[in-house]
PDB file of N, CA and C in Angstrom:
ATOM      1  N   MET A   1     -22.058  -1.961  -1.533  1.00  0.00           N
ATOM      2  CA  MET A   1     -20.981  -2.260  -1.038  1.00  0.00           C
ATOM      3  C   MET A   1     -20.656  -2.011   0.175  1.00  0.00           C
ATOM      4  N   SER A   2     -19.941  -2.810   1.363  1.00  0.00           N
ATOM      5  CA  SER A   2     -20.589  -2.454   2.667  1.00  0.00           C
ATOM      6  C   SER A   2     -18.684  -1.546   2.683  1.00  0.00           C
ATOM      7  N   GLU A   3     -19.417  -1.334   4.468  1.00  0.00           N
ATOM      8  CA  GLU A   3     -18.379  -0.217   4.879  1.00  0.00           C
ATOM      9  C   GLU A   3     -17.069  -1.237   5.053  1.00  0.00           C
ATOM     10  N   ASP A   4     -16.700  -2.054   5.432  1.00  0.00           N
ATOM     11  CA  ASP A   4     -15.419  -2.836   5.447  1.00  0.00           C
ATOM     12  C   ASP A   4     -14.937  -2.067   3.730  1.00  0.00           C
ATOM     13  N   ASN A   5     -15.644  -2.744   3.271  1.00  0.00           N
ATOM     14  CA  ASN A   5     -15.098  -2.835   1.619  1.00  0.00           C
ATOM     15  C   ASN A   5     -14.417  -0.907   0.961  1.00  0.00           C
ATOM     16  N   LEU A   6     -15.362  -0.647   1.756  1.00  0.00           N
ATOM     17  CA  LEU A   6     -15.486   1.081   1.506  1.00  0.00           C
ATOM     18  C   LEU A   6     -13.609   1.520   1.701  1.00  0.00           C
ATOM     19  N   TYR A   7     -13.782   0.679   3.015  1.00  0.00           N
ATOM     20  CA  TYR A   7     -12.367   1.589   4.005  1.00  0.00           C
ATOM     21  C   TYR A   7     -11.175   1.186   3.233  1.00  0.00           C
ATOM     22  N   LEU A   8     -11.570   0.121   2.976  1.00  0.00           N
ATOM     23  CA  LEU A   8     -10.339  -0.882   2.170  1.00  0.00           C
ATOM     24  C   LEU A   8     -10.448  -0.178   0.918  1.00  0.00           C
ATOM     25  N   LEU A   9     -11.394   0.044  -0.342  1.00  0.00           N
ATOM     26  CA  LEU A   9     -10.886   1.158  -1.049  1.00  0.00           C
ATOM     27  C   LEU A   9     -10.101   2.238  -1.079  1.00  0.00           C
ATOM     28  N   PHE A  10     -11.015   3.013  -0.124  1.00  0.00           N
ATOM     29  CA  PHE A  10     -10.162   4.391   0.175  1.00  0.00           C
ATOM     30  C   PHE A  10      -8.698   3.982   0.494  1.00  0.00           C
ATOM     31  N   CYS A  11      -8.187   3.216   1.280  1.00  0.00           N
ATOM     32  CA  CYS A  11      -7.023   2.295   1.328  1.00  0.00           C
ATOM     33  C   CYS A  11      -6.093   2.455   0.132  1.00  0.00           C
ATOM     34  N   TYR A  12      -6.760   1.900  -0.427  1.00  0.00           N
ATOM     35  CA  TYR A  12      -5.950   1.238  -2.017  1.00  0.00           C
ATOM     36  C   TYR A  12      -5.612   2.588  -2.965  1.00  0.00           C
ATOM     37  N   LEU A  13      -6.803   3.288  -2.561  1.00  0.00           N
ATOM     38  CA  LEU A  13      -6.677   4.627  -3.663  1.00  0.00           C
ATOM     39  C   LEU A  13      -5.364   5.665  -2.979  1.00  0.00           C
ATOM     40  N   ILE A  14      -5.515   5.703  -1.553  1.00  0.00           N
ATOM     41  CA  ILE A  14      -4.591   6.725  -1.474  1.00  0.00           C
ATOM     42  C   ILE A  14      -3.450   6.343  -1.893  1.00  0.00           C
ATOM     43  N   PHE A  15      -3.169   4.973  -2.046  1.00  0.00           N
ATOM     44  CA  PHE A  15      -1.931   3.777  -2.057  1.00  0.00           C
ATOM     45  C   PHE A  15      -1.348   4.242  -3.336  1.00  0.00           C
ATOM     46  N   GLY A  16      -2.403   4.002  -4.229  1.00  0.00           N
ATOM     47  CA  GLY A  16      -2.590   4.442  -5.373  1.00  0.00           C
ATOM     48  C   GLY A  16      -2.129   4.926  -5.889  1.00  0.00           C
ATOM     49  N   LEU A  17      -2.428   6.682  -5.318  1.00  0.00           N
ATOM     50  CA  LEU A  17      -2.158   7.833  -5.567  1.00  0.00           C
ATOM     51  C   LEU A  17      -0.499   8.387  -5.018  1.00  0.00           C
ATOM     52  N   THR A  18      -0.210   7.600  -4.207  1.00  0.00           N
ATOM     53  CA  THR A  18       0.968   7.842  -3.690  1.00  0.00           C
ATOM     54  C   THR A  18       1.901   7.213  -4.829  1.00  0.00           C
ATOM     55  N   LEU A  19       1.836   5.882  -4.563  1.00  0.00           N
ATOM     56  CA  LEU A  19       2.638   5.238  -5.745  1.00  0.00           C
ATOM     57  C   LEU A  19       2.656   5.714  -6.901  1.00  0.00           C
ATOM     58  N   GLY A  20       2.080   6.280  -8.123  1.00  0.00           N
ATOM     59  CA  GLY A  20       1.769   6.840  -9.395  1.00  0.00           C
ATOM     60  C   GLY A  20       3.142   7.807  -8.738  1.00  0.00           C
ATOM     61  N   ALA A  21       2.414   9.131  -7.802  1.00  0.00           N
ATOM     62  CA  ALA A  21       3.592   9.836  -7.511  1.00  0.00           C
ATOM     63  C   ALA A  21       5.335   9.561  -7.725  1.00  0.00           C
ATOM     64  N   LEU A  22       5.113   8.512  -6.575  1.00  0.00           N
ATOM     65  CA  LEU A  22       6.761   7.956  -6.967  1.00  0.00           C
ATOM     66  C   LEU A  22       6.985   7.558  -7.631  1.00  0.00           C
ATOM     67  N   THR A  23       6.208   7.186  -8.686  1.00  0.00           N
ATOM     68  CA  THR A  23       6.553   6.277  -9.776  1.00  0.00           C
ATOM     69  C   THR A  23       7.473   7.514 -10.630  1.00  0.00           C
ATOM     70  N   ILE A  24       6.774   8.462 -10.891  1.00  0.00           N
ATOM     71  CA  ILE A  24       6.861   9.674 -11.671  1.00  0.00           C
ATOM     72  C   ILE A  24       8.278  10.163 -11.645  1.00  0.00           C
ATOM     73  N   ARG A  25       8.279  10.505  -9.665  1.00  0.00           N
ATOM     74  CA  ARG A  25       9.577  10.631  -9.550  1.00  0.00           C
ATOM     75  C   ARG A  25      10.671   9.850  -9.407  1.00  0.00           C
ATOM     76  N   SER A  26      10.608   8.358  -9.894  1.00  0.00           N
ATOM     77  CA  SER A  26      11.974   7.825  -9.862  1.00  0.00           C
ATOM     78  C   SER A  26      12.112   7.830 -11.404  1.00  0.00           C
ATOM     79  N   LYS A  27      13.567   7.791 -10.970  1.00  0.00           N
ATOM     80  CA  LYS A  27      14.530   7.236 -12.577  1.00  0.00           C
ATOM     81  C   LYS A  27      14.463   5.972 -13.278  1.00  0.00           C
ATOM     82  N   ASN A  28      13.698   4.424 -12.144  1.00  0.00           N
ATOM     83  CA  ASN A  28      14.257   3.795 -12.546  1.00  0.00           C
ATOM     84  C   ASN A  28      12.335   3.645 -12.486  1.00  0.00           C
ATOM     85  N   ARG A  29      11.232   3.633 -13.229  1.00  0.00           N
ATOM     86  CA  ARG A  29      10.223   3.785 -13.206  1.00  0.00           C
ATOM     87  C   ARG A  29       9.324   2.183 -13.041  1.00  0.00           C
ATOM     88  N   LEU A  30       9.867   1.177 -14.162  1.00  0.00           N
ATOM     89  CA  LEU A  30       9.197  -0.093 -14.162  1.00  0.00           C
ATOM     90  C   LEU A  30       9.400  -1.045 -12.689  1.00  0.00           C
ATOM     91  N   LYS A  31      10.713  -0.855 -12.640  1.00  0.00           N
ATOM     92  CA  LYS A  31      11.377  -1.381 -11.056  1.00  0.00           C
ATOM     93  C   LYS A  31      10.515  -1.269  -9.909  1.00  0.00           C
ATOM     94  N   THR A  32      10.050   0.522 -10.085  1.00  0.00           N
ATOM     95  CA  THR A  32       9.710   0.893  -8.613  1.00  0.00           C
ATOM     96  C   THR A  32       8.022   0.576  -8.689  1.00  0.00           C
ATOM     97  N   VAL A  33       7.680   0.694 -10.210  1.00  0.00           N
ATOM     98  CA  VAL A  33       6.420  -0.141  -9.483  1.00  0.00           C
ATOM     99  C   VAL A  33       5.946  -1.468  -9.589  1.00  0.00           C
ATOM    100  N   THR A  34       6.941  -1.976 -10.289  1.00  0.00           N
ATOM    101  CA  THR A  34       6.964  -4.095 -10.171  1.00  0.00           C
ATOM    102  C   THR A  34       6.986  -4.350  -8.646  1.00  0.00           C
ATOM    103  N   ILE A  35       7.812  -4.024  -8.358  1.00  0.00           N
ATOM    104  CA  ILE A  35       8.249  -4.190  -6.412  1.00  0.00           C
ATOM    105  C   ILE A  35       6.724  -3.623  -5.967  1.00  0.00           C
ATOM    106  N   ASN A  36       6.905  -2.537  -6.012  1.00  0.00           N
ATOM    107  CA  ASN A  36       5.816  -2.297  -4.786  1.00  0.00           C
ATOM    108  C   ASN A  36       4.298  -3.390  -5.011  1.00  0.00           C
ATOM    109  N   LEU A  37       3.546  -3.630  -6.383  1.00  0.00           N
ATOM    110  CA  LEU A  37       3.276  -4.305  -6.630  1.00  0.00           C
ATOM    111  C   LEU A  37       2.750  -5.606  -6.444  1.00  0.00           C
ATOM    112  N   ILE A  38       4.095  -6.234  -6.267  1.00  0.00           N
ATOM    113  CA  ILE A  38       4.350  -7.450  -5.650  1.00  0.00           C
ATOM    114  C   ILE A  38       4.355  -8.136  -4.720  1.00  0.00           C
ATOM    115  N   LEU A  39       4.812  -6.669  -3.745  1.00  0.00           N
ATOM    116  CA  LEU A  39       4.824  -7.028  -2.172  1.00  0.00           C
ATOM    117  C   LEU A  39       3.959  -6.090  -1.850  1.00  0.00           C
ATOM    118  N   ALA A  40       2.719  -5.462  -2.175  1.00  0.00           N
ATOM    119  CA  ALA A  40       1.468  -5.168  -1.830  1.00  0.00           C
ATOM    120  C   ALA A  40       0.262  -6.575  -2.538  1.00  0.00           C
ATOM    121  N   GLY A  41       1.019  -7.068  -3.911  1.00  0.00           N
ATOM    122  CA  GLY A  41       0.024  -8.199  -3.693  1.00  0.00           C
ATOM    123  C   GLY A  41       0.040  -9.558  -2.976  1.00  0.00           C
ATOM    124  N   LEU A  42       1.268  -9.705  -2.656  1.00  0.00           N
ATOM    125  CA  LEU A  42       1.834 -10.535  -1.693  1.00  0.00           C
ATOM    126  C   LEU A  42       1.074 -10.914  -0.337  1.00  0.00           C
ATOM    127  N   TYR A  43       0.951  -9.304   0.599  1.00  0.00           N
ATOM    128  CA  TYR A  43       0.357  -9.230   2.061  1.00  0.00           C
ATOM    129  C   TYR A  43      -0.631  -9.283   1.486  1.00  0.00           C
ATOM    130  N   SER A  44      -1.380  -8.384   0.442  1.00  0.00           N
ATOM    131  CA  SER A  44      -2.966  -8.445  -0.015  1.00  0.00           C
ATOM    132  C   SER A  44      -3.433  -9.668   0.372  1.00  0.00           C
ATOM    133  N   GLY A  45      -2.789 -10.349  -0.636  1.00  0.00           N
ATOM    134  CA  GLY A  45      -3.273 -12.166  -1.149  1.00  0.00           C
ATOM    135  C   GLY A  45      -3.595 -12.386   0.699  1.00  0.00           C
ATOM    136  N   LEU A  46      -2.293 -12.636   1.158  1.00  0.00           N
ATOM    137  CA  LEU A  46      -2.056 -13.304   2.486  1.00  0.00           C
ATOM    138  C   LEU A  46      -3.478 -12.941   3.598  1.00  0.00           C
ATOM    139  N   PHE A  47      -3.613 -11.405   3.808  1.00  0.00           N
ATOM    140  CA  PHE A  47      -4.868 -10.901   4.318  1.00  0.00           C
ATOM    141  C   PHE A  47      -6.142 -10.907   3.913  1.00  0.00           C
ATOM    142  N   PHE A  48      -6.318 -11.194   2.669  1.00  0.00           N
ATOM    143  CA  PHE A  48      -7.182 -11.397   1.596  1.00  0.00           C
ATOM    144  C   PHE A  48      -8.257 -12.590   1.912  1.00  0.00           C
ATOM    145  N   TYR A  49      -7.301 -13.759   1.972  1.00  0.00           N
ATOM    146  CA  TYR A  49      -7.286 -15.249   2.382  1.00  0.00           C
ATOM    147  C   TYR A  49      -7.704 -15.607   3.505  1.00  0.00           C
ATOM    148  N   ASN A  50      -7.253 -14.690   4.797  1.00  0.00           N
ATOM    149  CA  ASN A  50      -7.282 -15.176   6.068  1.00  0.00           C
ATOM    150  C   ASN A  50      -8.958 -14.212   6.288  1.00  0.00           C
ATOM    151  N   LEU A  51      -9.052 -13.180   6.148  1.00  0.00           N
ATOM    152  CA  LEU A  51     -10.378 -12.840   5.875  1.00  0.00           C
ATOM    153  C   LEU A  51     -11.044 -13.734   5.228  1.00  0.00           C
ATOM    154  N   THR A  52     -10.996 -13.975   4.289  1.00  0.00           N
ATOM    155  CA  THR A  52     -12.303 -15.145   3.398  1.00  0.00           C
ATOM    156  C   THR A  52     -12.663 -16.236   3.917  1.00  0.00           C
ATOM    157  N   PHE A  53     -11.574 -17.027   4.305  1.00  0.00           N
ATOM    158  CA  PHE A  53     -11.600 -18.225   5.303  1.00  0.00           C
ATOM    159  C   PHE A  53     -11.139 -18.578   6.021  1.00  0.00           C
ATOM    160  N   ASN A  54     -10.841 -17.499   7.080  1.00  0.00           N
ATOM    161  CA  ASN A  54     -10.626 -17.434   8.470  1.00  0.00           C
ATOM    162  C   ASN A  54     -10.724 -16.536   9.121  1.00  0.00           C
ATOM    163  N   SER A  55     -12.413 -16.131   8.694  1.00  0.00           N
ATOM    164  CA  SER A  55     -12.723 -14.966  10.151  1.00  0.00           C
ATOM    165  C   SER A  55     -14.149 -15.210  10.334  1.00  0.00           C
ATOM    166  N   SER A  56     -13.798 -16.740  11.305  1.00  0.00           N
ATOM    167  CA  SER A  56     -14.332 -16.658  12.086  1.00  0.00           C
ATOM    168  C   SER A  56     -15.009 -16.642  13.490  1.00  0.00           C
ATOM    169  N   GLY A  57     -15.614 -16.193  14.067  1.00  0.00           N
ATOM    170  CA  GLY A  57     -15.490 -15.845  15.477  1.00  0.00           C
ATOM    171  C   GLY A  57     -15.113 -14.444  15.689  1.00  0.00           C
ATOM    172  N   GLY A  58     -15.345 -14.080  14.771  1.00  0.00           N
ATOM    173  CA  GLY A  58     -14.982 -11.999  15.175  1.00  0.00           C
ATOM    174  C   GLY A  58     -13.880 -11.630  14.785  1.00  0.00           C
ATOM    175  N   SER A  59     -13.246 -12.699  13.986  1.00  0.00           N
ATOM    176  CA  SER A  59     -11.454 -12.592  13.676  1.00  0.00           C
ATOM    177  C   SER A  59     -10.912 -11.796  12.385  1.00  0.00           C
ATOM    178  N   GLY A  60     -12.567 -11.439  11.502  1.00  0.00           N
ATOM    179  CA  GLY A  60     -12.205 -10.992  10.294  1.00  0.00           C
ATOM    180  C   GLY A  60     -11.853  -9.590  10.710  1.00  0.00           C
ATOM    181  N   LEU A  61     -12.487  -8.772  11.993  1.00  0.00           N
ATOM    182  CA  LEU A  61     -11.835  -7.600  12.184  1.00  0.00           C
ATOM    183  C   LEU A  61     -10.486  -7.246  11.830  1.00  0.00           C
ATOM    184  N   VAL A  62      -9.826  -8.386  12.720  1.00  0.00           N
ATOM    185  CA  VAL A  62      -8.750  -8.460  13.225  1.00  0.00           C
ATOM    186  C   VAL A  62      -7.656  -8.702  12.329  1.00  0.00           C
ATOM    187  N   TRP A  63      -8.129  -9.707  10.579  1.00  0.00           N
ATOM    188  CA  TRP A  63      -7.383  -9.392   9.665  1.00  0.00           C
ATOM    189  C   TRP A  63      -7.764  -8.115   8.644  1.00  0.00           C
ATOM    190  N   LEU A  64      -9.131  -7.754   8.972  1.00  0.00           N
ATOM    191  CA  LEU A  64      -8.845  -6.200   8.178  1.00  0.00           C
ATOM    192  C   LEU A  64      -8.226  -4.996   8.501  1.00  0.00           C
ATOM    193  N   VAL A  65      -8.180  -5.086   9.807  1.00  0.00           N
ATOM    194  CA  VAL A  65      -7.465  -4.338  10.232  1.00  0.00           C
ATOM    195  C   VAL A  65      -5.290  -4.540  10.108  1.00  0.00           C
ATOM    196  N   TYR A  66      -4.940  -5.412  10.311  1.00  0.00           N
ATOM    197  CA  TYR A  66      -4.032  -6.097   9.924  1.00  0.00           C
ATOM    198  C   TYR A  66      -3.973  -5.518   8.524  1.00  0.00           C
ATOM    199  N   LEU A  67      -4.528  -6.075   7.417  1.00  0.00           N
ATOM    200  CA  LEU A  67      -4.479  -5.954   6.066  1.00  0.00           C
ATOM    201  C   LEU A  67      -4.753  -4.065   5.629  1.00  0.00           C
ATOM    202  N   MET A  68      -5.775  -3.302   6.632  1.00  0.00           N
ATOM    203  CA  MET A  68      -5.618  -1.602   6.666  1.00  0.00           C
ATOM    204  C   MET A  68      -3.827  -1.183   7.236  1.00  0.00           C
ATOM    205  N   PHE A  69      -3.629  -1.989   7.973  1.00  0.00           N
ATOM    206  CA  PHE A  69      -2.912  -1.519   8.624  1.00  0.00           C
ATOM    207  C   PHE A  69      -0.663  -1.531   8.086  1.00  0.00           C
ATOM    208  N   SER A  70      -1.270  -2.380   6.742  1.00  0.00           N
ATOM    209  CA  SER A  70       0.289  -3.114   5.867  1.00  0.00           C
ATOM    210  C   SER A  70      -0.187  -1.751   4.910  1.00  0.00           C
ATOM    211  N   ILE A  71      -1.426  -1.843   4.416  1.00  0.00           N
ATOM    212  CA  ILE A  71      -1.186  -0.891   3.425  1.00  0.00           C
ATOM    213  C   ILE A  71      -1.079   0.693   3.936  1.00  0.00           C
ATOM    214  N   GLY A  72      -1.539   0.866   5.037  1.00  0.00           N
ATOM    215  CA  GLY A  72      -0.529   1.889   5.929  1.00  0.00           C
ATOM    216  C   GLY A  72       1.042   2.418   5.595  1.00  0.00           C
ATOM    217  N   LEU A  73       1.409   1.399   6.320  1.00  0.00           N
ATOM    218  CA  LEU A  73       2.596   0.845   6.424  1.00  0.00           C
ATOM    219  C   LEU A  73       3.617   1.210   5.002  1.00  0.00           C
ATOM    220  N   HIS A  74       3.097   0.283   4.077  1.00  0.00           N
ATOM    221  CA  HIS A  74       3.424   0.663   2.232  1.00  0.00           C
ATOM    222  C   HIS A  74       3.407   2.356   2.357  1.00  0.00           C
ATOM    223  N   TRP A  75       2.541   2.334   2.115  1.00  0.00           N
ATOM    224  CA  TRP A  75       2.214   4.019   2.099  1.00  0.00           C
ATOM    225  C   TRP A  75       2.966   4.956   2.746  1.00  0.00           C
ATOM    226  N   LEU A  76       3.422   5.272   3.728  1.00  0.00           N
ATOM    227  CA  LEU A  76       3.881   5.260   4.547  1.00  0.00           C
ATOM    228  C   LEU A  76       5.295   5.647   4.615  1.00  0.00           C
ATOM    229  N   ILE A  77       5.685   4.327   3.385  1.00  0.00           N
ATOM    230  CA  ILE A  77       7.286   4.067   3.055  1.00  0.00           C
ATOM    231  C   ILE A  77       7.304   4.716   1.793  1.00  0.00           C
ATOM    232  N   ASN A  78       6.317   4.646   0.876  1.00  0.00           N
ATOM    233  CA  ASN A  78       6.317   4.989  -0.239  1.00  0.00           C
ATOM    234  C   ASN A  78       6.190   6.887  -0.294  1.00  0.00           C
ATOM    235  N   LEU A  79       5.889   7.469   0.785  1.00  0.00           N
ATOM    236  CA  LEU A  79       5.847   8.837   1.204  1.00  0.00           C
ATOM    237  C   LEU A  79       7.534   9.290   1.289  1.00  0.00           C
ATOM    238  N   ILE A  80       7.712   8.386   2.162  1.00  0.00           N
ATOM    239  CA  ILE A  80       9.306   8.868   2.798  1.00  0.00           C
ATOM    240  C   ILE A  80      10.074   9.147   1.720  1.00  0.00           C
ATOM    241  N   GLY A  81      10.084   7.553   0.812  1.00  0.00           N
ATOM    242  CA  GLY A  81      10.505   8.068  -0.608  1.00  0.00           C
ATOM    243  C   GLY A  81      10.077   9.116  -1.744  1.00  0.00           C
ATOM    244  N   ILE A  82       9.025   9.709  -2.077  1.00  0.00           N
ATOM    245  CA  ILE A  82       8.397  10.707  -2.089  1.00  0.00           C
ATOM    246  C   ILE A  82       9.493  11.743  -1.610  1.00  0.00           C
ATOM    247  N   ILE A  83       9.699  12.330  -0.171  1.00  0.00           N
ATOM    248  CA  ILE A  83       9.981  13.230   0.167  1.00  0.00           C
ATOM    249  C   ILE A  83      11.940  13.098   0.038  1.00  0.00           C
ATOM    250  N   LEU A  84      12.411  11.716  -0.161  1.00  0.00           N
ATOM    251  CA  LEU A  84      13.101  11.966   0.013  1.00  0.00           C
ATOM    252  C   LEU A  84      14.190  12.008  -1.294  1.00  0.00           C
ATOM    253  N   THR A  85      13.152  11.594  -2.607  1.00  0.00           N
ATOM    254  CA  THR A  85      13.283  12.292  -4.392  1.00  0.00           C
ATOM    255  C   THR A  85      13.274  14.328  -4.088  1.00  0.00           C
ATOM    256  N   PHE A  86      12.614  14.174  -3.083  1.00  0.00           N
ATOM    257  CA  PHE A  86      12.728  15.857  -3.041  1.00  0.00           C
ATOM    258  C   PHE A  86      13.839  16.215  -2.318  1.00  0.00           C
ATOM    259  N   ILE A  87      14.195  15.721  -1.917  1.00  0.00           N
ATOM    260  CA  ILE A  87      15.520  16.309  -0.936  1.00  0.00           C
ATOM    261  C   ILE A  87      16.875  15.994  -1.377  1.00  0.00           C
ATOM    262  N   LYS A  88      16.974  14.709  -2.620  1.00  0.00           N
ATOM    263  CA  LYS A  88      17.855  14.524  -3.426  1.00  0.00           C
ATOM    264  C   LYS A  88      17.833  15.508  -4.457  1.00  0.00           C
ATOM    265  N   ARG A  89      17.209  16.210  -4.984  1.00  0.00           N
ATOM    266  CA  ARG A  89      17.140  16.554  -6.448  1.00  0.00           C
ATOM    267  C   ARG A  89      17.376  18.049  -5.746  1.00  0.00           C
ATOM    268  N   THR A  90      16.632  18.816  -4.315  1.00  0.00           N
ATOM    269  CA  THR A  90      17.536  20.142  -4.367  1.00  0.00           C
ATOM    270  C   THR A  90      18.526  20.181  -3.991  1.00  0.00           C
ATOM    271  N   ASN A  91      18.977  18.886  -3.735  1.00  0.00           N
ATOM    272  CA  ASN A  91      20.894  19.014  -2.791  1.00  0.00           C
ATOM    273  C   ASN A  91      21.642  18.556  -4.369  1.00  0.00           C
ATOM    274  N   ASN A  92      21.356  18.708  -5.371  1.00  0.00           N
ATOM    275  CA  ASN A  92      22.042  17.933  -6.525  1.00  0.00           C
ATOM    276  C   ASN A  92      21.744  19.395  -7.650  1.00  0.00           C
ATOM    277  N   GLU A  93      20.985  20.372  -7.402  1.00  0.00           N
ATOM    278  CA  GLU A  93      20.961  21.079  -8.023  1.00  0.00           C
ATOM    279  C   GLU A  93      21.859  22.552  -7.457  1.00  0.00           C
TER     280      GLU A  93
END
């Protein structure tokens, strides 16, 4: 397994753990998982396609960085969602 694949595996693992925590904290679990997986599938598919077929001349690194940045941004949004669920539950009690 190449080093790039290990980086992506680590990114997706962190994202998956955060998505699992958000799903557990969410009221509408199926909707949360469906929306997040569809979004992740769309941008991952786009960047994996370009990483595979449009990576000539060193541009593969650009697509890899875009993919990792997208996963990181999605992770950050989910993390903010988890924090907001904690804030809402403490205000309601």
